[in-house]
Amino acid sequence: MPVVRLAVAACVLLVLTACGATKTTTEAHQSLPTPSAAADRADLMTKGAVTRTIRDGVTLVVSAPTSFTPTETAYPKAARAVAFELVIDNRSDTVYRPAQLSFVATADGLDASQIIDSTQGYNGLTGAADEVLPSQMLRFSVAFEVPSHASSVRVVLRPAAADATIPIFDGTV
């Protein structure tokens, strides 16, 4: 009987220790500083980003394009894609809803499909928040299918259905 009690006590100690280790690890992870949206924006600006005005008080910072190979889980399937990191900076006094945005891309003059590759963090607007409060920023990314060779790519943004398009990239990738 003492051996059984000792085994039970060892199991309980093992479970409690494992739970405590997980909690400590989680607490340590949560206490690490996370980069702010302002830091994200500053980081993009040092990497050749451009800023476009979406509406009064709301701007969009767009990174230079990054070429990548989509994973097997990407939709639609593509051999190569180009991605853009974006930051919406709402310095207005009203809420901004990113769902109003739409992106249109062409590669070598042909329509380029938006790629969703969650494995690599390219979620498009579907992964973005429903709204950006005044004095807040939101970072997200979009990606588009491009041919496997160097291509002429143009990406435009339409802030809302009735608005004119705003070019955010026109170049070779």
Protein backbone atom coordinates (compact mmCIF):
# COMPACT_ATOMS: atom_id res chain seq x y z
CA MET A 1 0.00 0.00 0.00
CA PRO A 2 2.81 2.51 0.75
CA VAL A 3 4.18 1.94 -2.77
CA VAL A 4 0.77 2.80 -4.27
CA ARG A 5 0.56 5.98 -2.18
CA LEU A 6 4.07 6.92 -3.19
CA ALA A 7 3.24 6.35 -6.89
CA VAL A 8 0.05 8.44 -6.59
CA ALA A 9 1.94 11.21 -4.81
CA ALA A 10 4.62 11.17 -7.54
CA CYS A 11 1.94 11.42 -10.26
CA VAL A 12 0.23 14.31 -8.49
CA LEU A 13 3.56 16.08 -8.05
CA LEU A 14 4.39 15.54 -11.71
CA VAL A 15 1.02 16.94 -12.85
CA LEU A 16 1.27 19.96 -10.56
CA THR A 17 4.83 20.66 -11.64
CA ALA A 18 3.92 20.42 -15.33
CA CYS A 19 0.93 22.74 -14.86
CA GLY A 20 3.04 25.21 -12.93
CA ALA A 21 5.74 25.17 -15.63
CA THR A 22 3.17 25.89 -18.31
CA LYS A 23 1.73 28.77 -16.32
CA THR A 24 5.16 30.24 -15.68
CA THR A 25 6.06 29.95 -19.35
CA THR A 26 2.79 31.61 -20.36
CA GLU A 27 3.26 34.40 -17.84
CA ALA A 28 6.83 34.97 -19.00
CA HIS A 29 5.67 35.07 -22.63
CA GLN A 30 2.94 37.59 -21.81
CA SER A 31 5.35 39.87 -20.01
CA LEU A 32 7.62 40.22 -23.04
CA PRO A 33 7.21 43.58 -24.74
CA THR A 34 5.36 43.43 -28.04
CA PRO A 35 6.01 45.90 -30.82
CA SER A 36 3.43 48.65 -31.10
CA ALA A 37 1.67 49.59 -34.31
CA ALA A 38 3.71 52.81 -34.29
CA ALA A 39 6.88 50.72 -34.24
CA ASP A 40 5.45 48.60 -37.07
CA ARG A 41 4.78 51.74 -39.09
CA ALA A 42 8.26 53.11 -38.41
CA ASP A 43 9.75 49.74 -39.40
CA LEU A 44 7.85 49.77 -42.70
CA MET A 45 8.95 53.33 -43.43
CA THR A 46 12.62 52.34 -43.17
CA LYS A 47 12.02 49.57 -45.72
CA GLY A 48 10.89 51.75 -48.62
CA ALA A 49 7.21 52.00 -47.72
CA VAL A 50 4.84 54.58 -49.16
CA THR A 51 1.94 56.34 -47.47
CA ARG A 52 -1.42 56.90 -49.12
CA THR A 53 -4.37 58.87 -47.76
CA ILE A 54 -7.55 56.80 -47.59
CA ARG A 55 -9.73 59.62 -46.28
CA ASP A 56 -9.30 62.67 -44.03
CA GLY A 57 -7.21 61.60 -41.05
CA VAL A 58 -6.79 57.99 -42.20
CA THR A 59 -3.63 56.85 -43.97
CA LEU A 60 -2.35 53.55 -45.26
CA VAL A 61 1.36 52.74 -45.06
CA VAL A 62 2.33 50.14 -47.67
CA SER A 63 5.62 48.23 -47.60
CA ALA A 64 7.76 47.47 -50.59
CA PRO A 65 6.71 44.13 -52.14
CA THR A 66 8.15 40.83 -50.96
CA SER A 67 8.20 37.85 -53.31
CA PHE A 68 7.51 34.45 -51.73
CA THR A 69 6.52 30.88 -52.51
CA PRO A 70 3.02 30.10 -51.18
CA THR A 71 2.59 26.96 -49.08
CA GLU A 72 0.49 23.97 -50.07
CA THR A 73 -2.35 25.32 -47.91
CA ALA A 74 -2.52 28.65 -49.76
CA TYR A 75 -5.66 29.51 -51.69
CA PRO A 76 -5.74 29.69 -54.61
CA LYS A 77 -2.70 27.57 -55.45
CA ALA A 78 0.17 29.55 -56.94
CA ALA A 79 3.84 29.00 -57.75
CA ARG A 80 4.81 32.51 -56.65
CA ALA A 81 3.21 35.49 -54.96
CA VAL A 82 4.09 39.00 -53.92
CA ALA A 83 3.07 40.35 -50.51
CA PHE A 84 2.62 43.78 -48.99
CA GLU A 85 2.56 44.65 -45.30
CA LEU A 86 0.09 47.45 -44.55
CA VAL A 87 -0.68 49.68 -41.59
CA ILE A 88 -3.89 51.69 -41.35
CA ASP A 89 -3.28 54.76 -39.18
CA ASN A 90 -6.56 56.31 -37.99
CA ARG A 91 -5.81 59.82 -36.79
CA SER A 92 -9.39 60.94 -37.38
CA ASP A 93 -12.08 61.29 -34.74
CA THR A 94 -14.29 58.54 -36.21
CA VAL A 95 -14.05 54.76 -36.47
CA TYR A 96 -12.61 53.40 -39.72
CA ARG A 97 -13.83 50.06 -41.06
CA PRO A 98 -11.19 48.22 -43.16
CA ALA A 99 -13.89 46.06 -44.76
CA GLN A 100 -14.52 49.09 -46.99
CA LEU A 101 -11.13 48.55 -48.64
CA SER A 102 -10.66 46.53 -51.80
CA PHE A 103 -7.46 45.75 -53.65
CA VAL A 104 -7.04 45.03 -57.35
CA ALA A 105 -3.79 43.70 -58.75
CA THR A 106 -2.51 42.91 -62.21
CA ALA A 107 0.63 41.04 -63.25
CA ASP A 108 1.85 41.57 -66.80
CA GLY A 109 -1.52 43.20 -67.53
CA LEU A 110 -3.63 40.22 -66.38
CA ASP A 111 -5.76 40.07 -63.24
CA ALA A 112 -3.83 38.70 -60.26
CA SER A 113 -5.75 36.72 -57.65
CA GLN A 114 -5.37 37.60 -54.00
CA ILE A 115 -3.59 34.76 -52.19
CA ILE A 116 -4.60 33.71 -48.68
CA ASP A 117 -1.71 31.84 -47.07
CA SER A 118 -2.46 31.81 -43.35
CA THR A 119 0.52 29.53 -42.69
CA GLN A 120 2.82 32.41 -43.65
CA GLY A 121 0.61 35.15 -42.18
CA TYR A 122 -0.94 36.40 -45.41
CA ASN A 123 -4.59 36.61 -44.36
CA GLY A 124 -5.64 39.64 -46.37
CA LEU A 125 -8.50 41.72 -45.06
CA THR A 126 -10.30 38.61 -43.84
CA GLY A 127 -7.79 38.46 -40.99
CA ALA A 128 -8.05 42.16 -40.16
CA ALA A 129 -10.11 43.71 -37.39
CA ASP A 130 -13.65 44.94 -38.02
CA GLU A 131 -12.76 48.51 -37.12
CA VAL A 132 -9.88 50.82 -36.34
CA LEU A 133 -10.73 53.19 -33.52
CA PRO A 134 -9.60 56.84 -33.55
CA SER A 135 -5.90 57.19 -32.64
CA GLN A 136 -5.34 53.48 -33.32
CA MET A 137 -3.43 51.56 -35.98
CA LEU A 138 -3.99 48.18 -37.59
CA ARG A 139 -1.36 46.04 -39.31
CA PHE A 140 -2.26 43.36 -41.86
CA SER A 141 -0.90 41.90 -45.08
CA VAL A 142 -2.14 41.11 -48.57
CA ALA A 143 -0.59 38.90 -51.24
CA PHE A 144 -1.22 38.39 -54.94
CA GLU A 145 -0.38 35.65 -57.40
CA VAL A 146 2.32 36.57 -59.92
CA PRO A 147 4.10 34.61 -62.67
CA SER A 148 7.27 32.72 -61.74
CA HIS A 149 9.37 35.12 -63.85
CA ALA A 150 10.01 38.83 -63.22
CA SER A 151 6.70 40.58 -63.85
CA SER A 152 5.23 44.02 -64.14
CA VAL A 153 2.85 44.33 -61.17
CA ARG A 154 0.32 47.05 -60.42
CA VAL A 155 -1.77 47.16 -57.25
CA VAL A 156 -4.49 49.72 -56.61
CA LEU A 157 -6.66 50.33 -53.59
CA ARG A 158 -10.29 51.41 -53.56
CA PRO A 159 -11.09 52.91 -50.13
CA ALA A 160 -14.87 52.44 -50.59
CA ALA A 161 -17.11 51.21 -53.42
CA ALA A 162 -17.86 54.71 -54.73
CA ASP A 163 -14.26 56.01 -54.44
CA ALA A 164 -11.64 56.28 -57.17
CA THR A 165 -8.72 53.88 -57.05
CA ILE A 166 -5.40 54.85 -55.46
CA PRO A 167 -2.21 53.25 -56.80
CA ILE A 168 -0.13 51.64 -54.06
CA PHE A 169 2.46 49.84 -56.21
CA ASP A 170 3.53 49.89 -59.86
CA GLY A 171 6.78 48.14 -60.67
CA THR A 172 8.61 44.94 -61.48
CA VAL A 173 8.88 42.04 -59.05
